[in-house]
Amino acid sequence: MSIPREEHDAKIEALEARMDGRMKAIELAIEALQEGFRELRKDMRENMRLTMAMFVTLLVAIVTTGITTAVAVHQSTKDSIDNMLAAFATGKSTQPTIQVLPHVMTQAPERAPARMFDARPGERSE
């Protein structure tokens, strides 16, 4: 039982045609996967670019807020210290007046005329 050469060659060619068809389907699937990966990489690059832009924007906002807060705290502290120094200077400049006032106040009744304190209620002494 030998198979004639032509029939054998025909079977081999049919087998090769089926294998070529299967290989073509596999090649098309691989090309589709490659195209999908290219698109995925392109999308990932775009997403990375957008993420970096958002990160930079957020970083700038955080740094700007930090600097603004530091400047505001510095200005507030400076104003508070200036106010305390001004109050201290005012207190220092009024200290001689405060020391003189008790002395003047204790002498005030002594300088007043005596009849001013001797008046009876309802009478006017002038």
PDB file of N, CA and C in Angstrom:
ATOM      1  N   MET A   1       0.793  -1.175   0.000  1.00  0.00           N
ATOM      2  CA  MET A   1       0.000   0.000   0.000  1.00  0.00           C
ATOM      3  C   MET A   1       0.841   1.246   0.000  1.00  0.00           C
ATOM      4  N   SER A   2       1.174   1.519  -1.073  1.00  0.00           N
ATOM      5  CA  SER A   2       1.959   2.729  -1.165  1.00  0.00           C
ATOM      6  C   SER A   2       1.092   3.815  -1.772  1.00  0.00           C
ATOM      7  N   ILE A   3       1.347   5.010  -1.323  1.00  0.00           N
ATOM      8  CA  ILE A   3       0.575   6.167  -1.781  1.00  0.00           C
ATOM      9  C   ILE A   3       1.341   6.733  -2.961  1.00  0.00           C
ATOM     10  N   PRO A   4       0.635   6.992  -4.029  1.00  0.00           N
ATOM     11  CA  PRO A   4       1.337   7.564  -5.174  1.00  0.00           C
ATOM     12  C   PRO A   4       1.931   8.933  -4.830  1.00  0.00           C
ATOM     13  N   ARG A   5       2.986   9.254  -5.463  1.00  0.00           N
ATOM     14  CA  ARG A   5       3.752  10.474  -5.185  1.00  0.00           C
ATOM     15  C   ARG A   5       2.882  11.713  -5.344  1.00  0.00           C
ATOM     16  N   GLU A   6       2.067  11.812  -6.348  1.00  0.00           N
ATOM     17  CA  GLU A   6       1.225  12.980  -6.588  1.00  0.00           C
ATOM     18  C   GLU A   6       0.228  13.177  -5.446  1.00  0.00           C
ATOM     19  N   GLU A   7      -0.354  12.082  -4.997  1.00  0.00           N
ATOM     20  CA  GLU A   7      -1.307  12.173  -3.891  1.00  0.00           C
ATOM     21  C   GLU A   7      -0.592  12.597  -2.615  1.00  0.00           C
ATOM     22  N   HIS A   8       0.583  12.057  -2.435  1.00  0.00           N
ATOM     23  CA  HIS A   8       1.389  12.419  -1.262  1.00  0.00           C
ATOM     24  C   HIS A   8       1.739  13.908  -1.302  1.00  0.00           C
ATOM     25  N   ASP A   9       2.155  14.376  -2.450  1.00  0.00           N
ATOM     26  CA  ASP A   9       2.495  15.804  -2.604  1.00  0.00           C
ATOM     27  C   ASP A   9       1.247  16.679  -2.393  1.00  0.00           C
ATOM     28  N   ALA A  10       0.093  16.217  -2.850  1.00  0.00           N
ATOM     29  CA  ALA A  10      -1.151  16.980  -2.698  1.00  0.00           C
ATOM     30  C   ALA A  10      -1.529  17.089  -1.222  1.00  0.00           C
ATOM     31  N   LYS A  11      -1.368  15.981  -0.490  1.00  0.00           N
ATOM     32  CA  LYS A  11      -1.674  16.016   0.940  1.00  0.00           C
ATOM     33  C   LYS A  11      -0.716  16.964   1.673  1.00  0.00           C
ATOM     34  N   ILE A  12       0.527  16.918   1.290  1.00  0.00           N
ATOM     35  CA  ILE A  12       1.514  17.803   1.929  1.00  0.00           C
ATOM     36  C   ILE A  12       1.189  19.265   1.617  1.00  0.00           C
ATOM     37  N   GLU A  13       0.817  19.545   0.392  1.00  0.00           N
ATOM     38  CA  GLU A  13       0.461  20.921   0.030  1.00  0.00           C
ATOM     39  C   GLU A  13      -0.792  21.382   0.767  1.00  0.00           C
ATOM     40  N   ALA A  14      -1.761  20.519   0.945  1.00  0.00           N
ATOM     41  CA  ALA A  14      -2.988  20.865   1.680  1.00  0.00           C
ATOM     42  C   ALA A  14      -2.642  21.136   3.139  1.00  0.00           C
ATOM     43  N   LEU A  15      -1.778  20.281   3.692  1.00  0.00           N
ATOM     44  CA  LEU A  15      -1.341  20.477   5.079  1.00  0.00           C
ATOM     45  C   LEU A  15      -0.588  21.790   5.219  1.00  0.00           C
ATOM     46  N   GLU A  16       0.283  22.093   4.272  1.00  0.00           N
ATOM     47  CA  GLU A  16       1.024  23.354   4.290  1.00  0.00           C
ATOM     48  C   GLU A  16       0.083  24.547   4.172  1.00  0.00           C
ATOM     49  N   ALA A  17      -0.959  24.424   3.364  1.00  0.00           N
ATOM     50  CA  ALA A  17      -1.924  25.518   3.197  1.00  0.00           C
ATOM     51  C   ALA A  17      -2.683  25.759   4.507  1.00  0.00           C
ATOM     52  N   ARG A  18      -3.084  24.658   5.177  1.00  0.00           N
ATOM     53  CA  ARG A  18      -3.766  24.815   6.469  1.00  0.00           C
ATOM     54  C   ARG A  18      -2.828  25.460   7.494  1.00  0.00           C
ATOM     55  N   MET A  19      -1.584  25.005   7.515  1.00  0.00           N
ATOM     56  CA  MET A  19      -0.603  25.557   8.458  1.00  0.00           C
ATOM     57  C   MET A  19      -0.346  27.034   8.145  1.00  0.00           C
ATOM     58  N   ASP A  20      -0.263  27.369   6.858  1.00  0.00           N
ATOM     59  CA  ASP A  20      -0.067  28.779   6.478  1.00  0.00           C
ATOM     60  C   ASP A  20      -1.263  29.623   6.932  1.00  0.00           C
ATOM     61  N   GLY A  21      -2.482  29.090   6.787  1.00  0.00           N
ATOM     62  CA  GLY A  21      -3.681  29.807   7.227  1.00  0.00           C
ATOM     63  C   GLY A  21      -3.655  30.042   8.743  1.00  0.00           C
ATOM     64  N   ARG A  22      -3.278  29.004   9.477  1.00  0.00           N
ATOM     65  CA  ARG A  22      -3.185  29.138  10.934  1.00  0.00           C
ATOM     66  C   ARG A  22      -2.090  30.130  11.320  1.00  0.00           C
ATOM     67  N   MET A  23      -0.971  30.048  10.653  1.00  0.00           N
ATOM     68  CA  MET A  23       0.139  30.970  10.940  1.00  0.00           C
ATOM     69  C   MET A  23      -0.254  32.413  10.618  1.00  0.00           C
ATOM     70  N   LYS A  24      -0.997  32.589   9.527  1.00  0.00           N
ATOM     71  CA  LYS A  24      -1.443  33.935   9.157  1.00  0.00           C
ATOM     72  C   LYS A  24      -2.361  34.495  10.242  1.00  0.00           C
ATOM     73  N   ALA A  25      -3.250  33.659  10.786  1.00  0.00           N
ATOM     74  CA  ALA A  25      -4.155  34.097  11.857  1.00  0.00           C
ATOM     75  C   ALA A  25      -3.341  34.475  13.097  1.00  0.00           C
ATOM     76  N   ILE A  26      -2.337  33.660  13.406  1.00  0.00           N
ATOM     77  CA  ILE A  26      -1.486  33.955  14.568  1.00  0.00           C
ATOM     78  C   ILE A  26      -0.711  35.256  14.341  1.00  0.00           C
ATOM     79  N   GLU A  27      -0.173  35.439  13.130  1.00  0.00           N
ATOM     80  CA  GLU A  27       0.567  36.665  12.812  1.00  0.00           C
ATOM     81  C   GLU A  27      -0.344  37.892  12.923  1.00  0.00           C
ATOM     82  N   LEU A  28      -1.577  37.783  12.448  1.00  0.00           N
ATOM     83  CA  LEU A  28      -2.528  38.895  12.546  1.00  0.00           C
ATOM     84  C   LEU A  28      -2.852  39.200  14.011  1.00  0.00           C
ATOM     85  N   ALA A  29      -3.010  38.149  14.809  1.00  0.00           N
ATOM     86  CA  ALA A  29      -3.295  38.363  16.234  1.00  0.00           C
ATOM     87  C   ALA A  29      -2.103  39.048  16.922  1.00  0.00           C
ATOM     88  N   ILE A  30      -0.904  38.626  16.571  1.00  0.00           N
ATOM     89  CA  ILE A  30       0.297  39.241  17.162  1.00  0.00           C
ATOM     90  C   ILE A  30       0.412  40.702  16.730  1.00  0.00           C
ATOM     91  N   GLU A  31       0.139  40.996  15.478  1.00  0.00           N
ATOM     92  CA  GLU A  31       0.168  42.381  15.004  1.00  0.00           C
ATOM     93  C   GLU A  31      -0.888  43.233  15.723  1.00  0.00           C
ATOM     94  N   ALA A  32      -2.062  42.656  15.939  1.00  0.00           N
ATOM     95  CA  ALA A  32      -3.115  43.379  16.662  1.00  0.00           C
ATOM     96  C   ALA A  32      -2.671  43.649  18.099  1.00  0.00           C
ATOM     97  N   LEU A  33      -2.025  42.650  18.746  1.00  0.00           N
ATOM     98  CA  LEU A  33      -1.506  42.856  20.096  1.00  0.00           C
ATOM     99  C   LEU A  33      -0.428  43.935  20.114  1.00  0.00           C
ATOM    100  N   GLN A  34       0.450  43.911  19.125  1.00  0.00           N
ATOM    101  CA  GLN A  34       1.497  44.932  19.047  1.00  0.00           C
ATOM    102  C   GLN A  34       0.897  46.318  18.880  1.00  0.00           C
ATOM    103  N   GLU A  35      -0.110  46.429  18.049  1.00  0.00           N
ATOM    104  CA  GLU A  35      -0.773  47.725  17.864  1.00  0.00           C
ATOM    105  C   GLU A  35      -1.460  48.164  19.158  1.00  0.00           C
ATOM    106  N   GLY A  36      -2.079  47.199  19.836  1.00  0.00           N
ATOM    107  CA  GLY A  36      -2.695  47.503  21.126  1.00  0.00           C
ATOM    108  C   GLY A  36      -1.661  47.988  22.143  1.00  0.00           C
ATOM    109  N   PHE A  37      -0.497  47.334  22.175  1.00  0.00           N
ATOM    110  CA  PHE A  37       0.569  47.768  23.087  1.00  0.00           C
ATOM    111  C   PHE A  37       1.091  49.160  22.721  1.00  0.00           C
ATOM    112  N   ARG A  38       1.175  49.428  21.418  1.00  0.00           N
ATOM    113  CA  ARG A  38       1.609  50.779  20.992  1.00  0.00           C
ATOM    114  C   ARG A  38       0.619  51.834  21.487  1.00  0.00           C
ATOM    115  N   GLU A  39      -0.662  51.554  21.309  1.00  0.00           N
ATOM    116  CA  GLU A  39      -1.686  52.488  21.788  1.00  0.00           C
ATOM    117  C   GLU A  39      -1.631  52.633  23.308  1.00  0.00           C
ATOM    118  N   LEU A  40      -1.449  51.504  23.997  1.00  0.00           N
ATOM    119  CA  LEU A  40      -1.355  51.535  25.449  1.00  0.00           C
ATOM    120  C   LEU A  40      -0.157  52.373  25.905  1.00  0.00           C
ATOM    121  N   ARG A  41       0.987  52.183  25.248  1.00  0.00           N
ATOM    122  CA  ARG A  41       2.166  52.991  25.585  1.00  0.00           C
ATOM    123  C   ARG A  41       1.929  54.466  25.317  1.00  0.00           C
ATOM    124  N   LYS A  42       1.267  54.757  24.207  1.00  0.00           N
ATOM    125  CA  LYS A  42       0.957  56.147  23.875  1.00  0.00           C
ATOM    126  C   LYS A  42       0.046  56.752  24.943  1.00  0.00           C
ATOM    127  N   ASP A  43      -0.991  56.009  25.342  1.00  0.00           N
ATOM    128  CA  ASP A  43      -1.902  56.478  26.385  1.00  0.00           C
ATOM    129  C   ASP A  43      -1.176  56.642  27.722  1.00  0.00           C
ATOM    130  N   MET A  44      -0.287  55.694  28.026  1.00  0.00           N
ATOM    131  CA  MET A  44       0.454  55.776  29.280  1.00  0.00           C
ATOM    132  C   MET A  44       1.372  57.000  29.296  1.00  0.00           C
ATOM    133  N   ARG A  45       2.004  57.302  28.171  1.00  0.00           N
ATOM    134  CA  ARG A  45       2.847  58.505  28.092  1.00  0.00           C
ATOM    135  C   ARG A  45       2.012  59.767  28.313  1.00  0.00           C
ATOM    136  N   GLU A  46       0.856  59.804  27.671  1.00  0.00           N
ATOM    137  CA  GLU A  46      -0.029  60.971  27.829  1.00  0.00           C
ATOM    138  C   GLU A  46      -0.500  61.099  29.284  1.00  0.00           C
ATOM    139  N   ASN A  47      -0.878  59.964  29.880  1.00  0.00           N
ATOM    140  CA  ASN A  47      -1.296  59.996  31.287  1.00  0.00           C
ATOM    141  C   ASN A  47      -0.142  60.414  32.190  1.00  0.00           C
ATOM    142  N   MET A  48       1.058  59.949  31.906  1.00  0.00           N
ATOM    143  CA  MET A  48       2.223  60.330  32.702  1.00  0.00           C
ATOM    144  C   MET A  48       2.482  61.831  32.567  1.00  0.00           C
ATOM    145  N   ARG A  49       2.348  62.347  31.352  1.00  0.00           N
ATOM    146  CA  ARG A  49       2.544  63.782  31.139  1.00  0.00           C
ATOM    147  C   ARG A  49       1.514  64.592  31.922  1.00  0.00           C
ATOM    148  N   LEU A  50       0.249  64.164  31.868  1.00  0.00           N
ATOM    149  CA  LEU A  50      -0.801  64.863  32.610  1.00  0.00           C
ATOM    150  C   LEU A  50      -0.589  64.748  34.123  1.00  0.00           C
ATOM    151  N   THR A  51      -0.160  63.573  34.578  1.00  0.00           N
ATOM    152  CA  THR A  51       0.106  63.373  36.003  1.00  0.00           C
ATOM    153  C   THR A  51       1.241  64.282  36.467  1.00  0.00           C
ATOM    154  N   MET A  52       2.290  64.380  35.673  1.00  0.00           N
ATOM    155  CA  MET A  52       3.412  65.250  36.032  1.00  0.00           C
ATOM    156  C   MET A  52       2.963  66.717  36.055  1.00  0.00           C
ATOM    157  N   ALA A  53       2.131  67.100  35.096  1.00  0.00           N
ATOM    158  CA  ALA A  53       1.642  68.480  35.078  1.00  0.00           C
ATOM    159  C   ALA A  53       0.804  68.759  36.324  1.00  0.00           C
ATOM    160  N   MET A  54      -0.047  67.813  36.721  1.00  0.00           N
ATOM    161  CA  MET A  54      -0.853  68.000  37.934  1.00  0.00           C
ATOM    162  C   MET A  54       0.035  68.017  39.173  1.00  0.00           C
ATOM    163  N   PHE A  55       1.064  67.165  39.193  1.00  0.00           N
ATOM    164  CA  PHE A  55       1.982  67.123  40.327  1.00  0.00           C
ATOM    165  C   PHE A  55       2.726  68.450  40.458  1.00  0.00           C
ATOM    166  N   VAL A  56       3.196  68.984  39.334  1.00  0.00           N
ATOM    167  CA  VAL A  56       3.905  70.266  39.368  1.00  0.00           C
ATOM    168  C   VAL A  56       2.968  71.375  39.835  1.00  0.00           C
ATOM    169  N   THR A  57       1.743  71.374  39.342  1.00  0.00           N
ATOM    170  CA  THR A  57       0.769  72.381  39.768  1.00  0.00           C
ATOM    171  C   THR A  57       0.508  72.282  41.263  1.00  0.00           C
ATOM    172  N   LEU A  58       0.327  71.072  41.759  1.00  0.00           N
ATOM    173  CA  LEU A  58       0.098  70.866  43.185  1.00  0.00           C
ATOM    174  C   LEU A  58       1.315  71.285  44.002  1.00  0.00           C
ATOM    175  N   LEU A  59       2.504  70.950  43.513  1.00  0.00           N
ATOM    176  CA  LEU A  59       3.731  71.329  44.208  1.00  0.00           C
ATOM    177  C   LEU A  59       3.885  72.846  44.266  1.00  0.00           C
ATOM    178  N   VAL A  60       3.589  73.522  43.164  1.00  0.00           N
ATOM    179  CA  VAL A  60       3.662  74.982  43.146  1.00  0.00           C
ATOM    180  C   VAL A  60       2.656  75.572  44.131  1.00  0.00           C
ATOM    181  N   ALA A  61       1.461  75.022  44.180  1.00  0.00           N
ATOM    182  CA  ALA A  61       0.449  75.523  45.121  1.00  0.00           C
ATOM    183  C   ALA A  61       0.895  75.325  46.564  1.00  0.00           C
ATOM    184  N   ILE A  62       1.474  74.172  46.871  1.00  0.00           N
ATOM    185  CA  ILE A  62       1.932  73.897  48.240  1.00  0.00           C
ATOM    186  C   ILE A  62       3.070  74.835  48.618  1.00  0.00           C
ATOM    187  N   VAL A  63       4.041  74.992  47.726  1.00  0.00           N
ATOM    188  CA  VAL A  63       5.179  75.870  48.018  1.00  0.00           C
ATOM    189  C   VAL A  63       4.721  77.313  48.159  1.00  0.00           C
ATOM    190  N   THR A  64       3.839  77.757  47.273  1.00  0.00           N
ATOM    191  CA  THR A  64       3.333  79.126  47.353  1.00  0.00           C
ATOM    192  C   THR A  64       2.571  79.354  48.658  1.00  0.00           C
ATOM    193  N   THR A  65       1.748  78.388  49.046  1.00  0.00           N
ATOM    194  CA  THR A  65       1.016  78.505  50.309  1.00  0.00           C
ATOM    195  C   THR A  65       1.977  78.550  51.493  1.00  0.00           C
ATOM    196  N   GLY A  66       3.005  77.721  51.457  1.00  0.00           N
ATOM    197  CA  GLY A  66       3.999  77.721  52.529  1.00  0.00           C
ATOM    198  C   GLY A  66       4.729  79.039  52.634  1.00  0.00           C
ATOM    199  N   ILE A  67       5.152  79.571  51.504  1.00  0.00           N
ATOM    200  CA  ILE A  67       5.871  80.851  51.510  1.00  0.00           C
ATOM    201  C   ILE A  67       4.950  81.969  51.993  1.00  0.00           C
ATOM    202  N   THR A  68       3.712  81.978  51.499  1.00  0.00           N
ATOM    203  CA  THR A  68       2.760  83.007  51.920  1.00  0.00           C
ATOM    204  C   THR A  68       2.496  82.928  53.417  1.00  0.00           C
ATOM    205  N   THR A  69       2.336  81.718  53.929  1.00  0.00           N
ATOM    206  CA  THR A  69       2.109  81.543  55.367  1.00  0.00           C
ATOM    207  C   THR A  69       3.314  82.016  56.165  1.00  0.00           C
ATOM    208  N   ALA A  70       4.507  81.663  55.710  1.00  0.00           N
ATOM    209  CA  ALA A  70       5.716  82.085  56.424  1.00  0.00           C
ATOM    210  C   ALA A  70       5.841  83.604  56.438  1.00  0.00           C
ATOM    211  N   VAL A  71       5.561  84.239  55.307  1.00  0.00           N
ATOM    212  CA  VAL A  71       5.634  85.701  55.243  1.00  0.00           C
ATOM    213  C   VAL A  71       4.581  86.323  56.158  1.00  0.00           C
ATOM    214  N   ALA A  72       3.368  85.770  56.167  1.00  0.00           N
ATOM    215  CA  ALA A  72       2.304  86.313  57.023  1.00  0.00           C
ATOM    216  C   ALA A  72       2.656  86.157  58.503  1.00  0.00           C
ATOM    217  N   VAL A  73       3.194  84.998  58.880  1.00  0.00           N
ATOM    218  CA  VAL A  73       3.585  84.789  60.278  1.00  0.00           C
ATOM    219  C   VAL A  73       4.719  85.735  60.649  1.00  0.00           C
ATOM    220  N   HIS A  74       5.679  85.898  59.739  1.00  0.00           N
ATOM    221  CA  HIS A  74       6.788  86.808  60.002  1.00  0.00           C
ATOM    222  C   HIS A  74       6.271  88.239  60.181  1.00  0.00           C
ATOM    223  N   GLN A  75       5.384  88.668  59.293  1.00  0.00           N
ATOM    224  CA  GLN A  75       4.844  90.031  59.375  1.00  0.00           C
ATOM    225  C   GLN A  75       4.042  90.216  60.661  1.00  0.00           C
ATOM    226  N   SER A  76       3.238  89.225  61.017  1.00  0.00           N
ATOM    227  CA  SER A  76       2.445  89.306  62.240  1.00  0.00           C
ATOM    228  C   SER A  76       3.345  89.372  63.471  1.00  0.00           C
ATOM    229  N   THR A  77       4.381  88.537  63.486  1.00  0.00           N
ATOM    230  CA  THR A  77       5.326  88.553  64.603  1.00  0.00           C
ATOM    231  C   THR A  77       6.054  89.888  64.668  1.00  0.00           C
ATOM    232  N   LYS A  78       6.458  90.397  63.515  1.00  0.00           N
ATOM    233  CA  LYS A  78       7.155  91.685  63.463  1.00  0.00           C
ATOM    234  C   LYS A  78       6.248  92.796  63.991  1.00  0.00           C
ATOM    235  N   ASP A  79       4.985  92.794  63.555  1.00  0.00           N
ATOM    236  CA  ASP A  79       4.038  93.808  64.026  1.00  0.00           C
ATOM    237  C   ASP A  79       3.814  93.699  65.533  1.00  0.00           C
ATOM    238  N   SER A  80       3.694  92.460  66.040  1.00  0.00           N
ATOM    239  CA  SER A  80       3.499  92.269  67.478  1.00  0.00           C
ATOM    240  C   SER A  80       4.702  92.782  68.264  1.00  0.00           C
ATOM    241  N   ILE A  81       5.891  92.477  67.776  1.00  0.00           N
ATOM    242  CA  ILE A  81       7.104  92.943  68.465  1.00  0.00           C
ATOM    243  C   ILE A  81       7.195  94.463  68.393  1.00  0.00           C
ATOM    244  N   ASP A  82       6.879  95.043  67.232  1.00  0.00           N
ATOM    245  CA  ASP A  82       6.888  96.503  67.103  1.00  0.00           C
ATOM    246  C   ASP A  82       5.891  97.133  68.087  1.00  0.00           C
ATOM    247  N   ASN A  83       4.705  96.536  68.192  1.00  0.00           N
ATOM    248  CA  ASN A  83       3.697  97.055  69.126  1.00  0.00           C
ATOM    249  C   ASN A  83       4.163  96.936  70.571  1.00  0.00           C
ATOM    250  N   MET A  84       4.797  95.812  70.922  1.00  0.00           N
ATOM    251  CA  MET A  84       5.290  95.644  72.289  1.00  0.00           C
ATOM    252  C   MET A  84       6.407  96.648  72.591  1.00  0.00           C
ATOM    253  N   LEU A  85       7.300  96.850  71.605  1.00  0.00           N
ATOM    254  CA  LEU A  85       8.374  97.822  71.815  1.00  0.00           C
ATOM    255  C   LEU A  85       7.825  99.239  71.932  1.00  0.00           C
ATOM    256  N   ALA A  86       6.804  99.554  71.130  1.00  0.00           N
ATOM    257  CA  ALA A  86       6.185 100.872  71.222  1.00  0.00           C
ATOM    258  C   ALA A  86       5.508 101.048  72.577  1.00  0.00           C
ATOM    259  N   ALA A  87       4.812 100.019  73.048  1.00  0.00           N
ATOM    260  CA  ALA A  87       4.172 100.095  74.363  1.00  0.00           C
ATOM    261  C   ALA A  87       5.225 100.235  75.460  1.00  0.00           C
ATOM    262  N   PHE A  88       6.330  99.521  75.329  1.00  0.00           N
ATOM    263  CA  PHE A  88       7.405  99.632  76.312  1.00  0.00           C
ATOM    264  C   PHE A  88       7.996 101.037  76.306  1.00  0.00           C
ATOM    265  N   ALA A  89       8.215 101.581  75.093  1.00  0.00           N
ATOM    266  CA  ALA A  89       8.767 102.936  74.986  1.00  0.00           C
ATOM    267  C   ALA A  89       7.790 103.955  75.576  1.00  0.00           C
ATOM    268  N   THR A  90       6.491 103.758  75.311  1.00  0.00           N
ATOM    269  CA  THR A  90       5.494 104.664  75.868  1.00  0.00           C
ATOM    270  C   THR A  90       5.488 104.578  77.390  1.00  0.00           C
ATOM    271  N   GLY A  91       5.527 103.372  77.917  1.00  0.00           N
ATOM    272  CA  GLY A  91       5.570 103.197  79.360  1.00  0.00           C
ATOM    273  C   GLY A  91       6.830 103.792  79.965  1.00  0.00           C
ATOM    274  N   LYS A  92       7.922 103.638  79.255  1.00  0.00           N
ATOM    275  CA  LYS A  92       9.191 104.178  79.745  1.00  0.00           C
ATOM    276  C   LYS A  92       9.158 105.708  79.752  1.00  0.00           C
ATOM    277  N   SER A  93       8.551 106.295  78.713  1.00  0.00           N
ATOM    278  CA  SER A  93       8.510 107.758  78.632  1.00  0.00           C
ATOM    279  C   SER A  93       7.509 108.345  79.634  1.00  0.00           C
ATOM    280  N   THR A  94       6.492 107.595  80.024  1.00  0.00           N
ATOM    281  CA  THR A  94       5.520 108.117  80.997  1.00  0.00           C
ATOM    282  C   THR A  94       5.907 107.779  82.432  1.00  0.00           C
ATOM    283  N   GLN A  95       6.949 107.020  82.632  1.00  0.00           N
ATOM    284  CA  GLN A  95       7.355 106.629  83.982  1.00  0.00           C
ATOM    285  C   GLN A  95       7.679 107.840  84.862  1.00  0.00           C
ATOM    286  N   PRO A  96       8.427 108.839  84.408  1.00  0.00           N
ATOM    287  CA  PRO A  96       8.669 109.998  85.269  1.00  0.00           C
ATOM    288  C   PRO A  96       7.376 110.700  85.656  1.00  0.00           C
ATOM    289  N   THR A  97       6.403 110.777  84.775  1.00  0.00           N
ATOM    290  CA  THR A  97       5.129 111.409  85.073  1.00  0.00           C
ATOM    291  C   THR A  97       4.397 110.614  86.140  1.00  0.00           C
ATOM    292  N   ILE A  98       4.421 109.304  86.038  1.00  0.00           N
ATOM    293  CA  ILE A  98       3.736 108.458  87.007  1.00  0.00           C
ATOM    294  C   ILE A  98       4.384 108.600  88.376  1.00  0.00           C
ATOM    295  N   GLN A  99       5.693 108.727  88.412  1.00  0.00           N
ATOM    296  CA  GLN A  99       6.380 108.884  89.698  1.00  0.00           C
ATOM    297  C   GLN A  99       6.084 110.241  90.324  1.00  0.00           C
ATOM    298  N   VAL A 100       5.849 111.257  89.522  1.00  0.00           N
ATOM    299  CA  VAL A 100       5.569 112.598  90.032  1.00  0.00           C
ATOM    300  C   VAL A 100       4.138 112.702  90.509  1.00  0.00           C
ATOM    301  N   LEU A 101       3.199 112.029  89.883  1.00  0.00           N
ATOM    302  CA  LEU A 101       1.788 112.146  90.203  1.00  0.00           C
ATOM    303  C   LEU A 101       1.456 111.822  91.659  1.00  0.00           C
ATOM    304  N   PRO A 102       1.934 110.752  92.228  1.00  0.00           N
ATOM    305  CA  PRO A 102       1.586 110.519  93.640  1.00  0.00           C
ATOM    306  C   PRO A 102       2.070 111.651  94.549  1.00  0.00           C
ATOM    307  N   HIS A 103       3.210 112.193  94.253  1.00  0.00           N
ATOM    308  CA  HIS A 103       3.753 113.296  95.046  1.00  0.00           C
ATOM    309  C   HIS A 103       2.863 114.534  94.916  1.00  0.00           C
ATOM    310  N   VAL A 104       2.422 114.821  93.684  1.00  0.00           N
ATOM    311  CA  VAL A 104       1.545 115.970  93.436  1.00  0.00           C
ATOM    312  C   VAL A 104       0.187 115.737  94.086  1.00  0.00           C
ATOM    313  N   MET A 105      -0.324 114.518  94.022  1.00  0.00           N
ATOM    314  CA  MET A 105      -1.649 114.222  94.570  1.00  0.00           C
ATOM    315  C   MET A 105      -1.651 114.309  96.098  1.00  0.00           C
ATOM    316  N   THR A 106      -0.566 113.934  96.728  1.00  0.00           N
ATOM    317  CA  THR A 106      -0.536 114.038  98.191  1.00  0.00           C
ATOM    318  C   THR A 106      -0.415 115.490  98.631  1.00  0.00           C
ATOM    319  N   GLN A 107       0.140 116.326  97.804  1.00  0.00           N
ATOM    320  CA  GLN A 107       0.288 117.738  98.149  1.00  0.00           C
ATOM    321  C   GLN A 107      -0.959 118.534  97.803  1.00  0.00           C
ATOM    322  N   ALA A 108      -1.792 118.029  96.952  1.00  0.00           N
ATOM    323  CA  ALA A 108      -2.956 118.787  96.511  1.00  0.00           C
ATOM    324  C   ALA A 108      -3.860 119.193  97.664  1.00  0.00           C
ATOM    325  N   PRO A 109      -4.249 118.344  98.603  1.00  0.00           N
ATOM    326  CA  PRO A 109      -5.115 118.804  99.705  1.00  0.00           C
ATOM    327  C   PRO A 109      -4.411 119.821 100.593  1.00  0.00           C
ATOM    328  N   GLU A 110      -3.145 119.716 100.697  1.00  0.00           N
ATOM    329  CA  GLU A 110      -2.425 120.675 101.527  1.00  0.00           C
ATOM    330  C   GLU A 110      -2.479 122.074 100.915  1.00  0.00           C
ATOM    331  N   ARG A 111      -2.505 122.162  99.636  1.00  0.00           N
ATOM    332  CA  ARG A 111      -2.524 123.456  98.961  1.00  0.00           C
ATOM    333  C   ARG A 111      -3.926 124.059  98.935  1.00  0.00           C
ATOM    334  N   ALA A 112      -4.938 123.269  99.092  1.00  0.00           N
ATOM    335  CA  ALA A 112      -6.301 123.775  99.017  1.00  0.00           C
ATOM    336  C   ALA A 112      -6.596 124.635 100.240  1.00  0.00           C
ATOM    337  N   PRO A 113      -7.419 125.641 100.099  1.00  0.00           N
ATOM    338  CA  PRO A 113      -7.783 126.480 101.245  1.00  0.00           C
ATOM    339  C   PRO A 113      -8.513 125.661 102.290  1.00  0.00           C
ATOM    340  N   ALA A 114      -8.297 125.955 103.498  1.00  0.00           N
ATOM    341  CA  ALA A 114      -8.872 125.205 104.604  1.00  0.00           C
ATOM    342  C   ALA A 114     -10.372 125.382 104.668  1.00  0.00           C
ATOM    343  N   ARG A 115     -10.917 126.569 104.350  1.00  0.00           N
ATOM    344  CA  ARG A 115     -12.348 126.796 104.445  1.00  0.00           C
ATOM    345  C   ARG A 115     -13.134 125.954 103.452  1.00  0.00           C
ATOM    346  N   MET A 116     -12.494 125.453 102.394  1.00  0.00           N
ATOM    347  CA  MET A 116     -13.158 124.612 101.417  1.00  0.00           C
ATOM    348  C   MET A 116     -13.617 123.310 102.065  1.00  0.00           C
ATOM    349  N   PHE A 117     -12.856 122.814 103.032  1.00  0.00           N
ATOM    350  CA  PHE A 117     -13.193 121.559 103.692  1.00  0.00           C
ATOM    351  C   PHE A 117     -14.043 121.774 104.941  1.00  0.00           C
ATOM    352  N   ASP A 118     -14.180 123.015 105.376  1.00  0.00           N
ATOM    353  CA  ASP A 118     -14.951 123.295 106.585  1.00  0.00           C
ATOM    354  C   ASP A 118     -16.407 123.624 106.285  1.00  0.00           C
ATOM    355  N   ALA A 119     -16.781 123.675 105.056  1.00  0.00           N
ATOM    356  CA  ALA A 119     -18.150 124.068 104.702  1.00  0.00           C
ATOM    357  C   ALA A 119     -19.132 123.010 105.147  1.00  0.00           C
ATOM    358  N   ARG A 120     -20.338 123.460 105.521  1.00  0.00           N
ATOM    359  CA  ARG A 120     -21.405 122.554 105.909  1.00  0.00           C
ATOM    360  C   ARG A 120     -22.219 122.191 104.683  1.00  0.00           C
ATOM    361  N   PRO A 121     -22.922 121.071 104.728  1.00  0.00           N
ATOM    362  CA  PRO A 121     -23.722 120.697 103.576  1.00  0.00           C
ATOM    363  C   PRO A 121     -24.773 121.763 103.284  1.00  0.00           C
ATOM    364  N   GLY A 122     -24.914 122.069 102.029  1.00  0.00           N
ATOM    365  CA  GLY A 122     -25.887 123.084 101.620  1.00  0.00           C
ATOM    366  C   GLY A 122     -25.297 124.461 101.565  1.00  0.00           C
ATOM    367  N   GLU A 123     -24.179 124.706 102.210  1.00  0.00           N
ATOM    368  CA  GLU A 123     -23.553 126.034 102.151  1.00  0.00           C
ATOM    369  C   GLU A 123     -22.458 126.021 101.106  1.00  0.00           C
ATOM    370  N   ARG A 124     -22.310 127.166 100.540  1.00  0.00           N
ATOM    371  CA  ARG A 124     -21.228 127.314  99.581  1.00  0.00           C
ATOM    372  C   ARG A 124     -20.185 128.218 100.172  1.00  0.00           C
ATOM    373  N   SER A 125     -18.988 127.797 100.094  1.00  0.00           N
ATOM    374  CA  SER A 125     -17.919 128.677 100.539  1.00  0.00           C
ATOM    375  C   SER A 125     -17.094 129.046  99.330  1.00  0.00           C
ATOM    376  N   GLU A 126     -16.959 130.329  99.163  1.00  0.00           N
ATOM    377  CA  GLU A 126     -16.192 130.792  98.023  1.00  0.00           C
ATOM    378  C   GLU A 126     -15.160 131.758  98.422  1.00  0.00           C
TER     379      GLU A 126
END
